[in-house]
Amino acid sequence: MLGRDVVRVNPLALVALLVLAFAAGLGIAQFIGREAAAPDLRDTDRIERDRRAVFSPRVRRDPFFVQEQRKGVEAMEAHCRETGEMCPESRAARESFERLLADG
């Protein structure tokens, strides 16, 4: 008999319980959201200093980009010296890299 009594829950009480749980969830989410607030967008200088501008149109002047390109060209040239393969490609890569540096 006890099992049947548990199953017989008042539908109105169940709806009220769900509404209370939903409201409590919203309250907790707002409380947590205040603590993890987004940085103040008025302080854009600090934000720009902390991050690289990866979508900047001036990517060719980005020291990280230039360094990565240099590593790739040097790796291709080393492969050419060691194996004799991909030498035309490594020369083309070096020429393209030098043009990149000249255009700056």
C-alpha atoms as a PDB file:
ATOM      1  CA  MET A   1       0.000   0.000   0.000  1.00  0.00           C
ATOM      2  CA  LEU A   2       2.799   2.383   0.777  1.00  0.00           C
ATOM      3  CA  GLY A   3       4.158   2.170  -2.778  1.00  0.00           C
ATOM      4  CA  ARG A   4       0.819   3.181  -4.228  1.00  0.00           C
ATOM      5  CA  ASP A   5       0.608   6.148  -1.878  1.00  0.00           C
ATOM      6  CA  VAL A   6       3.939   7.461  -3.098  1.00  0.00           C
ATOM      7  CA  VAL A   7       2.810   7.210  -6.704  1.00  0.00           C
ATOM      8  CA  ARG A   8      -0.369   9.157  -5.959  1.00  0.00           C
ATOM      9  CA  VAL A   9       1.169  12.601  -5.846  1.00  0.00           C
ATOM     10  CA  ASN A  10      -1.056  15.606  -6.158  1.00  0.00           C
ATOM     11  CA  PRO A  11      -0.394  17.067  -9.646  1.00  0.00           C
ATOM     12  CA  LEU A  12      -0.783  20.600  -8.330  1.00  0.00           C
ATOM     13  CA  ALA A  13       1.852  19.963  -5.665  1.00  0.00           C
ATOM     14  CA  LEU A  14       4.178  18.529  -8.310  1.00  0.00           C
ATOM     15  CA  VAL A  15       3.776  21.607 -10.516  1.00  0.00           C
ATOM     16  CA  ALA A  16       4.371  23.890  -7.518  1.00  0.00           C
ATOM     17  CA  LEU A  17       7.527  21.938  -6.648  1.00  0.00           C
ATOM     18  CA  LEU A  18       8.836  22.223 -10.219  1.00  0.00           C
ATOM     19  CA  VAL A  19       8.164  25.983 -10.271  1.00  0.00           C
ATOM     20  CA  LEU A  20      10.038  26.418  -6.989  1.00  0.00           C
ATOM     21  CA  ALA A  21      12.981  24.347  -8.237  1.00  0.00           C
ATOM     22  CA  PHE A  22      13.119  26.368 -11.453  1.00  0.00           C
ATOM     23  CA  ALA A  23      13.069  29.668  -9.526  1.00  0.00           C
ATOM     24  CA  ALA A  24      15.802  28.432  -7.196  1.00  0.00           C
ATOM     25  CA  GLY A  25      17.915  27.439 -10.214  1.00  0.00           C
ATOM     26  CA  LEU A  26      17.535  30.890 -11.729  1.00  0.00           C
ATOM     27  CA  GLY A  27      18.521  32.523  -8.440  1.00  0.00           C
ATOM     28  CA  ILE A  28      21.633  30.357  -8.128  1.00  0.00           C
ATOM     29  CA  ALA A  29      22.601  31.058 -11.747  1.00  0.00           C
ATOM     30  CA  GLN A  30      22.315  34.809 -11.203  1.00  0.00           C
ATOM     31  CA  PHE A  31      24.382  34.605  -8.030  1.00  0.00           C
ATOM     32  CA  ILE A  32      27.130  32.648  -9.787  1.00  0.00           C
ATOM     33  CA  GLY A  33      26.945  34.964 -12.806  1.00  0.00           C
ATOM     34  CA  ARG A  34      27.716  38.004 -10.667  1.00  0.00           C
ATOM     35  CA  GLU A  35      30.930  36.450  -9.371  1.00  0.00           C
ATOM     36  CA  ALA A  36      32.139  35.483 -12.849  1.00  0.00           C
ATOM     37  CA  ALA A  37      31.283  38.813 -14.459  1.00  0.00           C
ATOM     38  CA  ALA A  38      32.819  39.774 -17.783  1.00  0.00           C
ATOM     39  CA  PRO A  39      35.650  42.313 -17.725  1.00  0.00           C
ATOM     40  CA  ASP A  40      34.745  45.959 -18.061  1.00  0.00           C
ATOM     41  CA  LEU A  41      34.739  46.703 -21.785  1.00  0.00           C
ATOM     42  CA  ARG A  42      35.668  50.328 -21.162  1.00  0.00           C
ATOM     43  CA  ASP A  43      39.154  49.110 -20.252  1.00  0.00           C
ATOM     44  CA  THR A  44      39.967  48.069 -23.835  1.00  0.00           C
ATOM     45  CA  ASP A  45      43.639  49.025 -23.586  1.00  0.00           C
ATOM     46  CA  ARG A  46      44.233  46.386 -20.935  1.00  0.00           C
ATOM     47  CA  ILE A  47      42.258  43.785 -22.881  1.00  0.00           C
ATOM     48  CA  GLU A  48      44.231  44.468 -26.070  1.00  0.00           C
ATOM     49  CA  ARG A  49      47.541  44.224 -24.224  1.00  0.00           C
ATOM     50  CA  ASP A  50      46.584  40.875 -22.706  1.00  0.00           C
ATOM     51  CA  ARG A  51      45.637  39.211 -25.985  1.00  0.00           C
ATOM     52  CA  ARG A  52      47.018  38.989 -29.474  1.00  0.00           C
ATOM     53  CA  ALA A  53      44.863  40.411 -32.245  1.00  0.00           C
ATOM     54  CA  VAL A  54      44.606  37.209 -34.285  1.00  0.00           C
ATOM     55  CA  PHE A  55      42.141  38.691 -36.780  1.00  0.00           C
ATOM     56  CA  SER A  56      44.077  41.900 -37.300  1.00  0.00           C
ATOM     57  CA  PRO A  57      44.702  42.913 -40.911  1.00  0.00           C
ATOM     58  CA  ARG A  58      48.280  43.685 -39.834  1.00  0.00           C
ATOM     59  CA  VAL A  59      49.130  40.034 -39.193  1.00  0.00           C
ATOM     60  CA  ARG A  60      52.291  40.328 -41.289  1.00  0.00           C
ATOM     61  CA  ARG A  61      53.755  42.618 -38.642  1.00  0.00           C
ATOM     62  CA  ASP A  62      52.884  40.274 -35.796  1.00  0.00           C
ATOM     63  CA  PRO A  63      56.168  38.967 -34.318  1.00  0.00           C
ATOM     64  CA  PHE A  64      54.628  35.578 -33.477  1.00  0.00           C
ATOM     65  CA  PHE A  65      53.369  35.123 -37.044  1.00  0.00           C
ATOM     66  CA  VAL A  66      56.731  36.084 -38.540  1.00  0.00           C
ATOM     67  CA  GLN A  67      58.569  33.739 -36.178  1.00  0.00           C
ATOM     68  CA  GLU A  68      56.278  30.824 -37.075  1.00  0.00           C
ATOM     69  CA  GLN A  69      56.737  31.512 -40.787  1.00  0.00           C
ATOM     70  CA  ARG A  70      60.505  31.615 -40.276  1.00  0.00           C
ATOM     71  CA  LYS A  71      60.406  28.244 -38.499  1.00  0.00           C
ATOM     72  CA  GLY A  72      58.469  26.718 -41.377  1.00  0.00           C
ATOM     73  CA  VAL A  73      60.847  28.050 -44.021  1.00  0.00           C
ATOM     74  CA  GLU A  74      63.897  26.904 -42.058  1.00  0.00           C
ATOM     75  CA  ALA A  75      62.382  23.442 -41.601  1.00  0.00           C
ATOM     76  CA  MET A  76      61.763  23.153 -45.344  1.00  0.00           C
ATOM     77  CA  GLU A  77      65.321  24.265 -46.112  1.00  0.00           C
ATOM     78  CA  ALA A  78      66.743  21.771 -43.614  1.00  0.00           C
ATOM     79  CA  HIS A  79      64.689  19.001 -45.205  1.00  0.00           C
ATOM     80  CA  CYS A  80      66.012  20.009 -48.625  1.00  0.00           C
ATOM     81  CA  ARG A  81      69.630  19.945 -47.377  1.00  0.00           C
ATOM     82  CA  GLU A  82      69.231  16.569 -45.666  1.00  0.00           C
ATOM     83  CA  THR A  83      67.222  14.665 -48.272  1.00  0.00           C
ATOM     84  CA  GLY A  84      67.468  16.643 -51.488  1.00  0.00           C
ATOM     85  CA  GLU A  85      63.668  16.619 -51.671  1.00  0.00           C
ATOM     86  CA  MET A  86      61.276  19.578 -51.922  1.00  0.00           C
ATOM     87  CA  CYS A  87      64.100  21.986 -52.824  1.00  0.00           C
ATOM     88  CA  PRO A  88      62.051  24.046 -55.319  1.00  0.00           C
ATOM     89  CA  GLU A  89      59.304  24.376 -52.718  1.00  0.00           C
ATOM     90  CA  SER A  90      61.753  25.474 -50.032  1.00  0.00           C
ATOM     91  CA  ARG A  91      63.269  28.085 -52.362  1.00  0.00           C
ATOM     92  CA  ALA A  92      59.781  29.375 -53.193  1.00  0.00           C
ATOM     93  CA  ALA A  93      58.955  29.494 -49.483  1.00  0.00           C
ATOM     94  CA  ARG A  94      62.142  31.482 -48.762  1.00  0.00           C
ATOM     95  CA  GLU A  95      61.349  33.939 -51.564  1.00  0.00           C
ATOM     96  CA  SER A  96      57.798  34.356 -50.327  1.00  0.00           C
ATOM     97  CA  PHE A  97      59.037  34.873 -46.756  1.00  0.00           C
ATOM     98  CA  GLU A  98      61.558  37.494 -47.872  1.00  0.00           C
ATOM     99  CA  ARG A  99      58.781  39.327 -49.760  1.00  0.00           C
ATOM    100  CA  LEU A 100      56.667  39.179 -46.619  1.00  0.00           C
ATOM    101  CA  LEU A 101      59.448  40.808 -44.615  1.00  0.00           C
ATOM    102  CA  ALA A 102      60.070  43.455 -47.287  1.00  0.00           C
ATOM    103  CA  ASP A 103      56.377  44.365 -47.548  1.00  0.00           C
ATOM    104  CA  GLY A 104      56.154  44.398 -43.751  1.00  0.00           C
END
